[in-house]
Amino acid sequence: MGLQYRKKHKVGKNVWINQTGTGASVSTKVGPVTFNSRGGVWVNLPGGMSYRGRWK
């Protein structure tokens, strides 16, 4: 695993623009679930665990 570049800019309530080394995406959070424009989904689970998957 190499170095990764990631920067988040908040643009509204629960909305971010994410800049990475491979491009940019938009993400939004609804409750414990975060979706991004590239098809990623993150769910915060009880006990400090989380699930990461794809919705596309």
Protein backbone atom coordinates (compact mmCIF):
# COMPACT_ATOMS: atom_id res chain seq x y z
CA MET A 1 0.00 0.00 0.00
CA GLY A 2 1.41 3.35 -1.05
CA LEU A 3 0.79 6.94 -0.14
CA GLN A 4 -2.67 8.37 -0.70
CA TYR A 5 -3.81 11.99 -1.04
CA ARG A 6 -7.28 12.95 0.21
CA LYS A 7 -8.81 16.33 1.03
CA LYS A 8 -12.41 17.08 2.05
CA HIS A 9 -14.16 20.45 1.65
CA LYS A 10 -17.53 20.97 3.33
CA VAL A 11 -19.91 22.80 0.97
CA GLY A 12 -23.20 22.48 2.86
CA LYS A 13 -24.94 20.68 5.66
CA ASN A 14 -23.94 17.00 5.27
CA VAL A 15 -22.37 17.60 1.80
CA TRP A 16 -18.65 17.44 0.94
CA ILE A 17 -16.43 17.67 -2.12
CA ASN A 18 -13.65 15.10 -1.86
CA GLN A 19 -10.37 15.56 -3.73
CA THR A 20 -8.08 12.58 -4.21
CA GLY A 21 -5.13 11.74 -6.38
CA THR A 22 -7.47 10.15 -8.96
CA GLY A 23 -10.07 12.94 -9.17
CA ALA A 24 -12.95 14.49 -7.25
CA SER A 25 -16.32 13.27 -5.97
CA VAL A 26 -19.25 14.53 -3.94
CA SER A 27 -20.49 12.79 -0.80
CA THR A 28 -23.55 13.25 1.37
CA LYS A 29 -24.44 11.84 4.77
CA VAL A 30 -27.94 10.74 5.76
CA GLY A 31 -28.02 9.54 9.36
CA PRO A 32 -25.37 6.84 9.81
CA VAL A 33 -25.03 6.27 6.03
CA THR A 34 -22.68 8.15 3.69
CA PHE A 35 -23.02 7.94 -0.13
CA ASN A 36 -20.61 9.30 -2.71
CA SER A 37 -20.95 10.04 -6.42
CA ARG A 38 -18.55 7.24 -7.37
CA GLY A 39 -20.86 4.57 -5.96
CA GLY A 40 -19.37 4.09 -2.51
CA VAL A 41 -21.46 3.66 0.61
CA TRP A 42 -20.33 3.67 4.24
CA VAL A 43 -22.55 2.68 7.17
CA ASN A 44 -21.55 3.38 10.77
CA LEU A 45 -22.57 0.41 12.91
CA PRO A 46 -22.89 0.14 16.69
CA GLY A 47 -19.77 -0.72 18.68
CA GLY A 48 -17.44 1.43 16.59
CA MET A 49 -17.69 -0.82 13.53
CA SER A 50 -18.52 0.25 9.98
CA TYR A 51 -19.47 -1.31 6.64
CA ARG A 52 -18.05 -0.14 3.32
CA GLY A 53 -19.51 -1.23 0.00
CA ARG A 54 -20.85 -0.17 -3.41
CA TRP A 55 -24.35 0.96 -4.38
CA LYS A 56 -23.85 1.07 -8.17
